[in-house]
N, C-alpha and C. Protein backbone atom coordinates (compact mmCIF):
# COMPACT_ATOMS: atom_id res chain seq x y z
N MET A 1 14.10 -194.82 139.97
CA MET A 1 13.49 -193.77 139.42
C MET A 1 12.90 -194.05 138.00
N LYS A 2 11.72 -194.25 137.37
CA LYS A 2 11.28 -193.98 136.20
C LYS A 2 11.06 -192.97 135.28
N THR A 3 11.74 -192.66 134.57
CA THR A 3 11.98 -191.11 133.80
C THR A 3 12.37 -192.12 131.86
N THR A 4 12.63 -190.80 131.31
CA THR A 4 12.68 -190.84 130.09
C THR A 4 13.81 -191.22 129.95
N GLY A 5 13.98 -191.10 128.51
CA GLY A 5 15.69 -191.48 128.06
C GLY A 5 15.93 -190.19 127.83
N SER A 6 15.37 -189.20 127.45
CA SER A 6 16.32 -187.71 127.69
C SER A 6 16.40 -187.16 128.78
N LYS A 7 15.58 -187.37 129.86
CA LYS A 7 15.80 -186.81 130.93
C LYS A 7 16.73 -187.80 131.82
N ALA A 8 16.96 -189.10 131.42
CA ALA A 8 18.16 -189.82 131.98
C ALA A 8 19.18 -189.65 131.24
N LEU A 9 19.28 -188.84 130.21
CA LEU A 9 20.98 -188.30 129.51
C LEU A 9 21.13 -187.26 130.15
N VAL A 10 20.23 -186.26 130.28
CA VAL A 10 20.66 -184.96 130.89
C VAL A 10 20.79 -185.07 132.11
N LEU A 11 19.97 -185.96 132.82
CA LEU A 11 20.50 -186.09 134.21
C LEU A 11 22.37 -187.03 134.51
N SER A 12 22.18 -187.96 133.63
CA SER A 12 24.01 -188.47 133.63
C SER A 12 24.74 -187.32 133.03
N LEU A 13 24.46 -186.61 132.51
CA LEU A 13 25.60 -185.95 132.07
C LEU A 13 25.72 -184.84 133.36
N ILE A 14 24.72 -184.46 134.26
CA ILE A 14 25.12 -183.42 134.73
C ILE A 14 25.71 -184.22 136.39
N GLN A 15 25.50 -185.85 136.58
CA GLN A 15 26.31 -186.69 136.92
C GLN A 15 27.98 -186.39 136.68
N GLU A 16 28.22 -186.26 135.79
CA GLU A 16 29.57 -186.17 135.13
C GLU A 16 29.90 -185.07 134.94
N GLY A 17 29.17 -184.24 135.63
CA GLY A 17 29.90 -182.93 135.71
C GLY A 17 30.08 -181.73 134.70
N VAL A 18 29.07 -182.17 134.04
CA VAL A 18 29.24 -181.31 132.61
C VAL A 18 28.01 -179.99 132.67
N ASP A 19 29.09 -179.05 132.33
CA ASP A 19 28.57 -177.53 132.55
C ASP A 19 28.01 -176.95 131.50
N LEU A 20 28.86 -177.28 130.29
CA LEU A 20 28.72 -176.59 129.02
C LEU A 20 28.53 -177.98 127.82
N ILE A 21 27.71 -177.82 127.17
CA ILE A 21 27.01 -178.28 125.80
C ILE A 21 26.73 -177.64 124.41
N PHE A 22 27.74 -177.78 123.52
CA PHE A 22 27.78 -177.43 122.61
C PHE A 22 26.86 -178.03 120.96
N GLY A 23 26.07 -177.40 120.55
CA GLY A 23 25.43 -178.40 119.27
C GLY A 23 24.22 -177.82 118.57
N TYR A 24 23.89 -178.30 118.06
CA TYR A 24 22.68 -177.86 117.04
C TYR A 24 21.52 -178.66 117.32
N PRO A 25 20.22 -178.07 117.14
CA PRO A 25 19.09 -178.92 117.09
C PRO A 25 18.78 -179.95 115.78
N GLY A 26 17.88 -180.78 116.11
CA GLY A 26 17.22 -181.51 114.68
C GLY A 26 16.10 -182.32 115.47
N GLY A 27 15.52 -182.88 113.97
CA GLY A 27 14.24 -184.13 114.45
C GLY A 27 14.75 -184.79 115.85
N ALA A 28 15.18 -185.79 115.14
CA ALA A 28 16.04 -187.31 116.37
C ALA A 28 16.18 -186.87 117.45
N ILE A 29 16.99 -185.32 117.73
CA ILE A 29 17.66 -185.30 118.84
C ILE A 29 16.99 -183.81 119.81
N MET A 30 15.46 -183.86 119.31
CA MET A 30 14.80 -182.94 120.16
C MET A 30 14.37 -183.13 121.15
N PRO A 31 13.64 -184.40 121.79
CA PRO A 31 13.39 -184.31 123.17
C PRO A 31 14.94 -184.41 123.85
N THR A 32 15.90 -184.16 123.54
CA THR A 32 17.17 -184.10 124.65
C THR A 32 17.26 -182.63 124.50
N TYR A 33 16.49 -181.56 123.64
CA TYR A 33 16.76 -180.51 123.64
C TYR A 33 15.39 -179.84 124.77
N ASP A 34 14.40 -180.86 124.73
CA ASP A 34 13.18 -180.50 126.12
C ASP A 34 13.84 -180.72 127.28
N ALA A 35 14.76 -181.56 127.25
CA ALA A 35 15.02 -181.89 128.70
C ALA A 35 15.81 -180.93 129.14
N LEU A 36 16.82 -180.63 128.22
CA LEU A 36 18.09 -179.63 127.91
C LEU A 36 17.38 -178.63 128.98
N TYR A 37 16.60 -178.06 128.10
CA TYR A 37 15.56 -177.01 128.70
C TYR A 37 15.18 -176.92 130.23
N ASP A 38 14.69 -178.02 130.39
CA ASP A 38 14.30 -178.09 131.78
C ASP A 38 15.38 -178.20 132.95
N ALA A 39 16.75 -178.29 132.40
CA ALA A 39 17.78 -178.00 132.95
C ALA A 39 18.86 -177.43 132.94
N LYS A 40 18.10 -175.88 132.17
CA LYS A 40 18.56 -175.03 131.87
C LYS A 40 19.58 -173.87 133.31
N ASP A 41 19.34 -174.64 134.65
CA ASP A 41 19.99 -173.90 135.60
C ASP A 41 21.22 -174.59 135.94
N GLN A 42 21.21 -176.00 135.16
CA GLN A 42 22.72 -176.62 135.84
C GLN A 42 23.71 -176.97 134.29
N LEU A 43 23.24 -176.37 133.13
CA LEU A 43 23.46 -177.13 132.21
C LEU A 43 23.51 -176.03 131.23
N ARG A 44 24.33 -175.59 130.65
CA ARG A 44 24.49 -174.27 129.70
C ARG A 44 24.81 -174.83 128.18
N HIS A 45 23.64 -174.82 127.46
CA HIS A 45 23.90 -174.75 125.89
C HIS A 45 24.07 -173.78 125.08
N VAL A 46 25.43 -174.20 124.47
CA VAL A 46 25.50 -173.22 123.07
C VAL A 46 25.23 -173.25 121.74
N LEU A 47 24.58 -172.64 121.26
CA LEU A 47 23.77 -173.15 119.99
C LEU A 47 24.72 -172.53 119.32
N VAL A 48 25.06 -173.26 118.13
CA VAL A 48 25.84 -173.32 117.33
C VAL A 48 24.92 -173.20 115.59
N ARG A 49 25.96 -172.77 114.71
CA ARG A 49 25.28 -172.66 113.40
C ARG A 49 25.18 -173.87 112.67
N HIS A 50 26.48 -175.12 113.05
CA HIS A 50 26.48 -176.03 111.64
C HIS A 50 27.41 -177.07 112.93
N GLU A 51 26.67 -178.39 113.11
CA GLU A 51 27.26 -179.64 113.96
C GLU A 51 28.51 -179.34 113.77
N GLN A 52 29.36 -179.21 112.58
CA GLN A 52 30.84 -178.69 112.72
C GLN A 52 31.26 -177.69 113.44
N GLY A 53 30.56 -176.62 113.99
CA GLY A 53 30.83 -175.76 114.70
C GLY A 53 30.84 -176.41 116.13
N ALA A 54 29.88 -177.15 116.50
CA ALA A 54 29.97 -177.44 117.96
C ALA A 54 30.70 -178.51 117.88
N VAL A 55 31.28 -179.39 117.40
CA VAL A 55 32.55 -180.17 117.37
C VAL A 55 33.67 -179.54 117.90
N HIS A 56 33.89 -178.52 117.13
CA HIS A 56 35.09 -177.77 117.16
C HIS A 56 34.94 -176.96 118.31
N ALA A 57 34.06 -176.25 118.73
CA ALA A 57 33.74 -175.90 119.48
C ALA A 57 34.15 -176.51 120.68
N ALA A 58 33.12 -177.95 121.20
CA ALA A 58 33.63 -178.76 122.39
C ALA A 58 35.37 -179.06 122.27
N GLU A 59 35.79 -179.07 121.29
CA GLU A 59 37.48 -179.19 121.56
C GLU A 59 38.10 -178.86 121.81
N GLY A 60 37.48 -177.54 121.64
CA GLY A 60 38.28 -175.85 122.01
C GLY A 60 38.32 -175.81 123.72
N TYR A 61 37.15 -176.51 123.79
CA TYR A 61 36.18 -176.12 125.23
C TYR A 61 37.36 -177.12 126.37
N ALA A 62 37.59 -178.55 125.42
CA ALA A 62 38.13 -179.57 125.88
C ALA A 62 39.88 -179.41 126.45
N ARG A 63 40.02 -178.34 125.59
CA ARG A 63 41.41 -177.91 125.14
C ARG A 63 41.62 -176.94 126.40
N VAL A 64 40.96 -176.74 126.69
CA VAL A 64 40.75 -174.80 127.70
C VAL A 64 40.51 -175.50 129.22
N SER A 65 39.65 -176.51 129.09
CA SER A 65 39.25 -176.85 130.33
C SER A 65 40.09 -178.07 131.50
N GLY A 66 40.20 -178.57 130.17
CA GLY A 66 41.05 -180.20 130.72
C GLY A 66 39.94 -181.17 131.20
N LYS A 67 38.44 -180.60 130.71
CA LYS A 67 37.39 -181.75 131.21
C LYS A 67 37.17 -181.97 129.48
N PRO A 68 36.20 -183.51 128.96
CA PRO A 68 35.71 -183.65 127.56
C PRO A 68 34.72 -182.68 127.42
N GLY A 69 35.26 -182.29 126.32
CA GLY A 69 34.02 -181.47 125.54
C GLY A 69 32.70 -182.17 125.34
N VAL A 70 31.78 -181.55 125.21
CA VAL A 70 30.49 -182.33 124.95
C VAL A 70 29.57 -181.68 123.99
N CYS A 71 29.11 -182.29 122.72
CA CYS A 71 28.56 -181.67 121.07
C CYS A 71 27.34 -182.84 121.18
N LEU A 72 26.41 -182.01 120.69
CA LEU A 72 25.09 -182.96 120.35
C LEU A 72 24.54 -182.90 119.21
N ALA A 73 24.19 -183.51 118.14
CA ALA A 73 23.51 -183.51 116.80
C ALA A 73 22.76 -184.62 116.47
N THR A 74 21.78 -184.04 115.68
CA THR A 74 20.83 -184.86 115.45
C THR A 74 20.90 -185.98 114.51
N SER A 75 20.15 -186.93 114.15
CA SER A 75 20.82 -188.40 112.91
C SER A 75 21.10 -187.55 111.95
N GLY A 76 21.56 -188.90 111.05
CA GLY A 76 22.22 -188.59 109.78
C GLY A 76 22.78 -187.44 109.05
N PRO A 77 22.70 -186.48 108.18
CA PRO A 77 23.58 -185.69 108.20
C PRO A 77 24.28 -184.83 109.37
N GLY A 78 23.01 -184.65 110.32
CA GLY A 78 23.67 -183.83 111.38
C GLY A 78 24.83 -184.78 112.35
N ALA A 79 24.68 -186.04 112.23
CA ALA A 79 25.87 -187.02 112.99
C ALA A 79 27.20 -187.24 111.91
N THR A 80 26.86 -186.89 111.01
CA THR A 80 28.09 -186.97 109.43
C THR A 80 28.97 -185.85 109.77
N ASN A 81 28.16 -184.63 110.65
CA ASN A 81 28.80 -183.36 110.25
C ASN A 81 30.22 -183.40 111.29
N LEU A 82 29.65 -183.94 112.07
CA LEU A 82 30.88 -184.01 113.27
C LEU A 82 31.72 -185.00 113.03
N VAL A 83 32.21 -185.47 111.95
CA VAL A 83 33.27 -186.45 111.56
C VAL A 83 34.74 -185.69 111.52
N THR A 84 34.79 -184.48 110.99
CA THR A 84 36.19 -184.02 111.03
C THR A 84 36.37 -183.61 112.37
N GLY A 85 35.47 -182.60 112.81
CA GLY A 85 35.63 -182.48 114.32
C GLY A 85 36.47 -183.98 115.33
N ILE A 86 35.41 -185.28 115.28
CA ILE A 86 35.88 -186.19 116.00
C ILE A 86 37.39 -186.81 115.43
N ALA A 87 37.58 -186.35 114.18
CA ALA A 87 39.27 -186.99 113.62
C ALA A 87 40.24 -186.27 114.62
N ASP A 88 39.70 -185.21 114.27
CA ASP A 88 41.09 -184.18 114.48
C ASP A 88 41.07 -184.34 116.29
N ALA A 89 40.11 -184.38 116.76
CA ALA A 89 40.42 -184.68 118.28
C ALA A 89 40.77 -185.82 118.82
N MET A 90 40.59 -187.02 117.69
CA MET A 90 41.00 -188.39 118.36
C MET A 90 42.46 -188.49 118.01
N MET A 91 42.99 -187.47 116.87
CA MET A 91 44.67 -187.87 116.49
C MET A 91 45.42 -186.40 117.72
N ASP A 92 44.76 -185.51 118.27
CA ASP A 92 45.53 -185.23 119.03
C ASP A 92 44.74 -185.61 120.53
N SER A 93 44.09 -186.21 120.80
CA SER A 93 43.83 -187.06 121.95
C SER A 93 43.22 -185.62 123.08
N VAL A 94 42.26 -185.03 122.19
CA VAL A 94 41.26 -184.23 123.35
C VAL A 94 40.44 -185.30 123.81
N PRO A 95 40.00 -185.12 124.68
CA PRO A 95 38.59 -185.61 125.36
C PRO A 95 37.33 -185.32 124.74
N LEU A 96 36.61 -185.78 124.40
CA LEU A 96 35.31 -185.17 123.45
C LEU A 96 34.03 -186.42 123.90
N VAL A 97 33.11 -185.92 124.23
CA VAL A 97 31.86 -187.14 124.19
C VAL A 97 30.79 -186.61 122.93
N CYS A 98 30.46 -186.87 122.01
CA CYS A 98 29.63 -186.27 120.92
C CYS A 98 28.25 -187.48 121.16
N ILE A 99 27.22 -186.74 121.02
CA ILE A 99 25.83 -187.40 121.13
C ILE A 99 24.77 -187.01 120.41
N THR A 100 24.39 -188.40 119.73
CA THR A 100 23.93 -187.77 118.28
C THR A 100 22.23 -188.72 118.40
N GLY A 101 20.90 -187.98 117.91
CA GLY A 101 20.33 -188.66 117.78
C GLY A 101 20.68 -189.74 117.00
N GLN A 102 19.39 -190.44 116.87
CA GLN A 102 18.94 -191.66 115.66
C GLN A 102 17.65 -192.12 115.68
N VAL A 103 17.37 -192.57 114.32
CA VAL A 103 15.98 -192.72 114.20
C VAL A 103 15.58 -194.17 115.11
N ALA A 104 14.12 -194.07 115.64
CA ALA A 104 13.68 -195.06 116.06
C ALA A 104 14.13 -196.70 115.81
N SER A 105 14.49 -197.24 116.90
CA SER A 105 15.02 -198.79 117.01
C SER A 105 14.60 -199.87 115.90
N PRO A 106 12.95 -199.73 115.60
CA PRO A 106 12.28 -200.73 114.45
C PRO A 106 13.07 -199.89 113.17
N PHE A 107 13.61 -199.37 112.78
CA PHE A 107 13.99 -198.10 111.78
C PHE A 107 15.67 -199.01 111.53
N LEU A 108 16.07 -198.95 112.45
CA LEU A 108 17.65 -199.02 112.29
C LEU A 108 17.64 -199.85 110.84
N GLY A 109 18.64 -199.69 109.96
CA GLY A 109 19.00 -200.67 109.31
C GLY A 109 17.95 -200.55 108.06
N THR A 110 17.06 -199.86 107.85
CA THR A 110 16.08 -199.82 106.91
C THR A 110 15.76 -198.63 105.97
N ASP A 111 17.08 -197.78 105.67
CA ASP A 111 17.53 -196.94 105.33
C ASP A 111 16.73 -195.87 105.53
N ALA A 112 15.86 -195.75 106.52
CA ALA A 112 15.10 -194.53 107.25
C ALA A 112 15.50 -193.45 107.10
N PHE A 113 14.18 -192.37 106.91
CA PHE A 113 15.05 -190.82 106.64
C PHE A 113 15.70 -190.45 107.83
N GLN A 114 17.10 -189.59 107.26
CA GLN A 114 17.82 -189.51 108.25
C GLN A 114 18.53 -190.48 109.10
N GLU A 115 18.70 -191.19 108.65
CA GLU A 115 19.21 -192.61 108.98
C GLU A 115 21.03 -192.64 108.74
N ALA A 116 22.00 -192.82 109.49
CA ALA A 116 23.24 -192.90 108.94
C ALA A 116 23.75 -194.00 110.07
N ASP A 117 24.63 -195.00 109.59
CA ASP A 117 25.22 -195.92 110.42
C ASP A 117 26.61 -194.99 110.82
N ILE A 118 26.24 -193.99 112.06
CA ILE A 118 27.40 -193.10 112.45
C ILE A 118 28.44 -194.16 113.62
N LEU A 119 28.12 -195.43 113.81
CA LEU A 119 29.07 -196.11 114.46
C LEU A 119 29.93 -196.42 113.67
N SER A 120 29.67 -197.21 112.43
CA SER A 120 30.29 -197.80 111.64
C SER A 120 31.51 -196.48 110.51
N ILE A 121 31.03 -195.52 110.61
CA ILE A 121 31.40 -194.32 110.05
C ILE A 121 32.16 -193.81 110.86
N THR A 122 32.26 -193.88 112.10
CA THR A 122 33.67 -193.13 113.27
C THR A 122 34.53 -193.87 113.73
N ALA A 123 33.55 -195.70 113.42
CA ALA A 123 34.59 -196.79 114.52
C ALA A 123 36.03 -195.96 114.53
N PRO A 124 36.98 -195.83 113.03
CA PRO A 124 38.26 -195.46 113.15
C PRO A 124 38.89 -194.80 114.11
N ILE A 125 38.15 -193.58 114.27
CA ILE A 125 37.97 -192.13 114.59
C ILE A 125 37.79 -192.16 116.23
N THR A 126 37.59 -193.09 116.98
CA THR A 126 36.88 -193.01 118.18
C THR A 126 37.88 -194.12 118.94
N LYS A 127 37.25 -193.71 120.29
CA LYS A 127 37.91 -194.80 121.00
C LYS A 127 36.65 -195.91 121.28
N TRP A 128 36.03 -195.11 121.50
CA TRP A 128 34.49 -195.94 121.76
C TRP A 128 32.85 -195.54 121.09
N SER A 129 32.42 -196.22 120.81
CA SER A 129 31.02 -196.01 120.58
C SER A 129 30.08 -196.83 120.84
N CYS A 130 28.75 -195.80 121.29
CA CYS A 130 27.57 -197.05 121.76
C CYS A 130 26.51 -197.04 120.79
N GLN A 131 25.23 -197.62 121.03
CA GLN A 131 24.22 -196.84 119.98
C GLN A 131 23.18 -197.71 121.20
N VAL A 132 22.40 -196.69 122.08
CA VAL A 132 21.35 -197.25 122.93
C VAL A 132 20.30 -197.35 122.33
N THR A 133 19.74 -198.64 122.41
CA THR A 133 18.05 -199.13 122.39
C THR A 133 17.36 -198.89 123.24
N ARG A 134 17.84 -198.74 124.16
CA ARG A 134 16.53 -199.11 125.55
C ARG A 134 17.44 -197.51 126.79
N ALA A 135 16.20 -196.77 126.85
CA ALA A 135 16.77 -195.80 127.48
C ALA A 135 17.46 -196.00 129.27
N GLU A 136 17.11 -197.51 129.93
CA GLU A 136 17.88 -197.99 130.94
C GLU A 136 19.61 -198.09 130.65
N GLU A 137 19.82 -198.23 129.71
CA GLU A 137 20.95 -198.04 129.12
C GLU A 137 21.96 -197.16 129.22
N ILE A 138 21.40 -195.60 129.37
CA ILE A 138 21.77 -194.36 129.33
C ILE A 138 22.81 -194.42 130.31
N PRO A 139 22.38 -194.38 131.62
CA PRO A 139 23.44 -193.74 132.79
C PRO A 139 24.82 -194.65 132.45
N LEU A 140 24.76 -195.46 132.47
CA LEU A 140 25.69 -196.57 132.17
C LEU A 140 26.66 -196.32 130.86
N CYS A 141 25.93 -196.07 129.98
CA CYS A 141 26.50 -195.66 128.52
C CYS A 141 27.62 -194.37 128.27
N VAL A 142 26.70 -193.53 129.25
CA VAL A 142 27.24 -192.08 129.39
C VAL A 142 28.51 -192.07 130.58
N ALA A 143 28.00 -192.78 131.82
CA ALA A 143 29.43 -193.00 132.70
C ALA A 143 30.81 -193.71 131.75
N LYS A 144 30.44 -194.86 130.97
CA LYS A 144 31.57 -195.39 130.11
C LYS A 144 32.30 -194.81 129.41
N ALA A 145 31.19 -193.83 128.47
CA ALA A 145 31.90 -192.39 127.58
C ALA A 145 32.75 -191.59 128.25
N PHE A 146 32.48 -191.04 129.35
CA PHE A 146 33.36 -190.44 129.50
C PHE A 146 34.42 -190.72 130.51
N HIS A 147 34.09 -191.89 130.92
CA HIS A 147 35.27 -192.74 131.55
C HIS A 147 36.41 -192.96 130.44
N ILE A 148 35.96 -193.32 129.36
CA ILE A 148 36.99 -193.52 128.29
C ILE A 148 37.40 -192.43 127.55
N ALA A 149 37.28 -191.29 127.69
CA ALA A 149 37.24 -190.04 127.05
C ALA A 149 38.11 -189.49 127.94
N ARG A 150 38.47 -189.54 129.05
CA ARG A 150 39.19 -189.16 130.17
C ARG A 150 40.58 -189.73 130.12
N SER A 151 40.08 -191.37 129.77
CA SER A 151 41.83 -192.26 129.63
C SER A 151 42.35 -191.75 128.80
N GLY A 152 43.70 -192.55 128.88
CA GLY A 152 44.77 -192.21 127.46
C GLY A 152 44.41 -193.40 126.80
N PHE A 153 43.52 -194.27 127.17
CA PHE A 153 43.62 -195.57 126.56
C PHE A 153 43.13 -195.52 124.90
N LYS A 154 43.93 -196.21 124.13
CA LYS A 154 42.87 -196.46 122.95
C LYS A 154 41.91 -197.65 123.24
N PHE A 155 40.85 -197.66 122.96
CA PHE A 155 39.63 -198.48 123.38
C PHE A 155 38.42 -198.19 122.50
N VAL A 156 38.69 -199.42 121.70
CA VAL A 156 37.04 -199.09 120.40
C VAL A 156 36.97 -200.72 120.49
N GLN A 157 35.19 -200.13 120.49
CA GLN A 157 34.10 -200.75 120.86
C GLN A 157 33.01 -200.94 120.33
N THR A 158 32.04 -201.34 119.74
CA THR A 158 30.86 -200.70 119.64
C THR A 158 29.92 -201.46 120.22
N GLY A 159 28.73 -200.81 120.53
CA GLY A 159 27.79 -201.62 121.37
C GLY A 159 27.87 -201.35 122.51
N CYS A 160 27.04 -201.13 123.49
CA CYS A 160 26.55 -200.59 124.89
C CYS A 160 25.94 -201.84 125.95
N ARG A 161 26.66 -202.90 126.48
CA ARG A 161 25.83 -203.39 127.29
C ARG A 161 25.80 -203.45 128.74
N THR A 162 24.65 -203.61 129.38
CA THR A 162 24.72 -203.09 130.45
C THR A 162 24.98 -204.49 131.60
N ASP A 163 24.87 -205.21 130.79
CA ASP A 163 25.10 -206.20 131.89
C ASP A 163 26.79 -206.71 132.52
């Protein structure tokens, strides 16, 4: 089935049993918000006032529900605002999946507006990180992220391969 990356992400989240997402919209993640709106009968989104609120709310949801908490943020400072909550979740073994936008692939590494190397920033405080550069990678990367979030294993890797 041919679809957009944003729709593939939303379908993958539904496939993983996600019913609640906490987030704060911004430029690079807006296509995902459009796809979330189209799936509002299957996925509930809680709009927070700051990205840090999203990650802490997702962490609280995970603690209460036993399911991985999910949060969304945009690129750059939106993504870096998740760092405190990510570190807290890692230290307390709370399952968390954080999804951020990023600048377009041709602009990676060019110090583009709102670009931050979130993989390197969060490497010491995550079990696994993935930067998707092709829409067809999304289903496998999402499935792997949830599998790792649900596992008790310390697994650090950057990059997501579909082969």
